[in-house]
Amino acid sequence: MLKEENRDILQKILETTLKVKVYEIKELNVEKRVGNLKVKGKRVDILLFTEIGYIGIELNARYQEYYM
């Protein structure tokens, strides 16, 4: 999914956006449970190891409408 030559670009974009130091970007494709009773689960595609802990991010490659 993530091209190795683009990994450093993604890391800089994430660090600038999130304002935290990103040590490692790990690609995942797993379902995670969340603490909200109305939400059954959350798909996590990227797991970041940062100076403040772990951050899970879902990346979408195409436009998709979400309805609440």
N, C-alpha and C. Protein backbone atom coordinates (compact mmCIF):
# COMPACT_ATOMS: atom_id res chain seq x y z
N MET A 1 0.82 -1.18 0.00
CA MET A 1 0.00 0.00 0.00
C MET A 1 0.87 1.26 0.00
N LEU A 2 1.74 1.39 0.95
CA LEU A 2 2.57 2.59 1.07
C LEU A 2 3.92 2.34 0.41
N LYS A 3 4.24 3.17 -0.58
CA LYS A 3 5.52 3.03 -1.26
C LYS A 3 6.64 3.48 -0.33
N GLU A 4 7.70 2.72 -0.30
CA GLU A 4 8.82 3.00 0.60
C GLU A 4 9.43 4.39 0.34
N GLU A 5 9.49 4.79 -0.93
CA GLU A 5 10.09 6.10 -1.25
C GLU A 5 9.20 7.27 -0.82
N ASN A 6 7.93 7.00 -0.49
CA ASN A 6 7.02 8.06 -0.02
C ASN A 6 6.83 8.07 1.49
N ARG A 7 7.41 7.10 2.17
CA ARG A 7 7.23 6.99 3.62
C ARG A 7 7.73 8.23 4.36
N ASP A 8 8.86 8.77 3.96
CA ASP A 8 9.40 9.95 4.65
C ASP A 8 8.52 11.18 4.41
N ILE A 9 7.90 11.27 3.23
CA ILE A 9 6.98 12.38 2.94
C ILE A 9 5.76 12.28 3.84
N LEU A 10 5.18 11.07 3.95
CA LEU A 10 4.03 10.86 4.82
C LEU A 10 4.38 11.19 6.26
N GLN A 11 5.55 10.78 6.71
CA GLN A 11 5.96 11.04 8.08
C GLN A 11 6.03 12.54 8.36
N LYS A 12 6.61 13.31 7.45
CA LYS A 12 6.71 14.77 7.64
C LYS A 12 5.33 15.43 7.62
N ILE A 13 4.44 14.96 6.73
CA ILE A 13 3.08 15.51 6.69
C ILE A 13 2.35 15.23 8.00
N LEU A 14 2.46 14.00 8.49
CA LEU A 14 1.80 13.63 9.75
C LEU A 14 2.37 14.41 10.93
N GLU A 15 3.69 14.56 10.99
CA GLU A 15 4.31 15.31 12.09
C GLU A 15 3.87 16.77 12.08
N THR A 16 3.79 17.36 10.90
CA THR A 16 3.37 18.76 10.78
C THR A 16 1.90 18.92 11.15
N THR A 17 1.07 18.00 10.68
CA THR A 17 -0.37 18.09 10.95
C THR A 17 -0.69 17.81 12.41
N LEU A 18 -0.11 16.75 12.96
CA LEU A 18 -0.41 16.33 14.33
C LEU A 18 0.42 17.05 15.39
N LYS A 19 1.48 17.70 14.96
CA LYS A 19 2.40 18.42 15.87
C LYS A 19 3.01 17.51 16.94
N VAL A 20 3.38 16.29 16.51
CA VAL A 20 4.09 15.33 17.36
C VAL A 20 5.18 14.67 16.53
N LYS A 21 6.20 14.17 17.20
CA LYS A 21 7.27 13.44 16.55
C LYS A 21 6.81 12.01 16.29
N VAL A 22 6.90 11.58 15.03
CA VAL A 22 6.53 10.21 14.64
C VAL A 22 7.81 9.40 14.52
N TYR A 23 7.90 8.32 15.32
CA TYR A 23 9.10 7.47 15.30
C TYR A 23 8.99 6.34 14.28
N GLU A 24 7.78 5.80 14.13
CA GLU A 24 7.61 4.66 13.22
C GLU A 24 6.20 4.66 12.66
N ILE A 25 6.07 4.28 11.40
CA ILE A 25 4.78 4.11 10.74
C ILE A 25 4.65 2.63 10.41
N LYS A 26 3.60 2.00 10.97
CA LYS A 26 3.38 0.58 10.73
C LYS A 26 2.06 0.39 10.00
N GLU A 27 2.09 -0.32 8.89
CA GLU A 27 0.88 -0.59 8.13
C GLU A 27 0.14 -1.77 8.73
N LEU A 28 -1.16 -1.58 8.91
CA LEU A 28 -2.02 -2.63 9.46
C LEU A 28 -3.25 -2.78 8.58
N ASN A 29 -3.94 -3.83 8.78
CA ASN A 29 -5.22 -4.03 8.11
C ASN A 29 -6.08 -4.86 9.05
N VAL A 30 -6.42 -4.25 10.18
CA VAL A 30 -7.14 -4.99 11.21
C VAL A 30 -8.34 -4.19 11.70
N GLU A 31 -9.28 -4.89 12.30
CA GLU A 31 -10.43 -4.24 12.94
C GLU A 31 -10.10 -4.04 14.41
N LYS A 32 -10.34 -2.83 14.90
CA LYS A 32 -10.12 -2.52 16.31
C LYS A 32 -11.45 -2.22 16.98
N ARG A 33 -11.62 -2.62 18.22
CA ARG A 33 -12.82 -2.26 18.98
C ARG A 33 -12.61 -0.87 19.58
N VAL A 34 -13.70 -0.15 19.69
CA VAL A 34 -13.64 1.17 20.31
C VAL A 34 -14.55 1.20 21.51
N GLY A 35 -14.39 2.20 22.38
CA GLY A 35 -15.13 2.26 23.63
C GLY A 35 -16.55 2.77 23.52
N ASN A 36 -16.99 3.22 22.37
CA ASN A 36 -18.32 3.76 22.20
C ASN A 36 -19.30 2.62 21.91
N LEU A 37 -20.42 2.58 22.63
CA LEU A 37 -21.39 1.49 22.44
C LEU A 37 -22.09 1.56 21.09
N LYS A 38 -22.21 2.75 20.51
CA LYS A 38 -22.90 2.90 19.23
C LYS A 38 -22.01 2.54 18.05
N VAL A 39 -20.72 2.44 18.27
CA VAL A 39 -19.78 2.12 17.20
C VAL A 39 -19.27 0.71 17.44
N LYS A 40 -19.48 -0.18 16.50
CA LYS A 40 -19.09 -1.58 16.66
C LYS A 40 -17.58 -1.80 16.52
N GLY A 41 -16.94 -1.05 15.67
CA GLY A 41 -15.51 -1.23 15.46
C GLY A 41 -14.95 -0.12 14.59
N LYS A 42 -13.65 -0.11 14.47
CA LYS A 42 -12.97 0.92 13.69
C LYS A 42 -11.87 0.26 12.89
N ARG A 43 -11.80 0.54 11.60
CA ARG A 43 -10.75 -0.01 10.75
C ARG A 43 -9.52 0.86 10.88
N VAL A 44 -8.39 0.29 11.19
CA VAL A 44 -7.14 1.02 11.32
C VAL A 44 -6.18 0.53 10.25
N ASP A 45 -5.75 1.42 9.40
CA ASP A 45 -4.84 1.07 8.33
C ASP A 45 -3.38 1.39 8.68
N ILE A 46 -3.17 2.44 9.45
CA ILE A 46 -1.82 2.88 9.81
C ILE A 46 -1.75 3.05 11.33
N LEU A 47 -0.71 2.53 11.93
CA LEU A 47 -0.47 2.73 13.35
C LEU A 47 0.83 3.52 13.49
N LEU A 48 0.74 4.67 14.17
CA LEU A 48 1.91 5.53 14.37
C LEU A 48 2.44 5.34 15.78
N PHE A 49 3.74 5.21 15.90
CA PHE A 49 4.40 5.22 17.19
C PHE A 49 4.97 6.62 17.36
N THR A 50 4.43 7.39 18.32
CA THR A 50 4.79 8.80 18.47
C THR A 50 5.33 9.07 19.86
N GLU A 51 5.74 10.31 20.06
CA GLU A 51 6.25 10.73 21.37
C GLU A 51 5.16 10.77 22.43
N ILE A 52 3.89 10.78 22.03
CA ILE A 52 2.80 10.79 22.99
C ILE A 52 2.08 9.45 23.09
N GLY A 53 2.54 8.45 22.36
CA GLY A 53 1.92 7.13 22.38
C GLY A 53 1.54 6.68 20.99
N TYR A 54 0.58 5.75 20.93
CA TYR A 54 0.14 5.19 19.66
C TYR A 54 -1.02 6.00 19.10
N ILE A 55 -1.04 6.17 17.78
CA ILE A 55 -2.15 6.83 17.10
C ILE A 55 -2.54 5.96 15.91
N GLY A 56 -3.82 5.58 15.84
CA GLY A 56 -4.33 4.80 14.72
C GLY A 56 -4.98 5.71 13.71
N ILE A 57 -4.67 5.52 12.42
CA ILE A 57 -5.19 6.37 11.35
C ILE A 57 -5.77 5.49 10.25
N GLU A 58 -6.96 5.86 9.79
CA GLU A 58 -7.55 5.20 8.64
C GLU A 58 -7.31 6.08 7.42
N LEU A 59 -6.74 5.49 6.39
CA LEU A 59 -6.46 6.22 5.16
C LEU A 59 -7.43 5.77 4.08
N ASN A 60 -8.01 6.73 3.37
CA ASN A 60 -8.92 6.42 2.27
C ASN A 60 -8.30 6.88 0.96
N ALA A 61 -8.29 6.01 -0.02
CA ALA A 61 -7.70 6.33 -1.32
C ALA A 61 -8.73 6.87 -2.31
N ARG A 62 -10.01 6.78 -1.98
CA ARG A 62 -11.05 7.27 -2.90
C ARG A 62 -12.09 8.04 -2.10
N TYR A 63 -12.83 8.89 -2.81
CA TYR A 63 -13.89 9.66 -2.18
C TYR A 63 -15.07 8.75 -1.88
N GLN A 64 -15.59 8.86 -0.65
CA GLN A 64 -16.74 8.07 -0.25
C GLN A 64 -17.55 8.90 0.72
N GLU A 65 -18.86 8.97 0.49
CA GLU A 65 -19.73 9.72 1.38
C GLU A 65 -20.06 8.88 2.60
N TYR A 66 -20.07 9.52 3.77
CA TYR A 66 -20.43 8.87 5.02
C TYR A 66 -21.69 9.52 5.55
N TYR A 67 -22.62 8.72 6.00
CA TYR A 67 -23.88 9.22 6.53
C TYR A 67 -23.95 8.92 8.02
N MET A 68 -24.42 9.89 8.77
CA MET A 68 -24.54 9.73 10.22
C MET A 68 -25.99 9.51 10.58
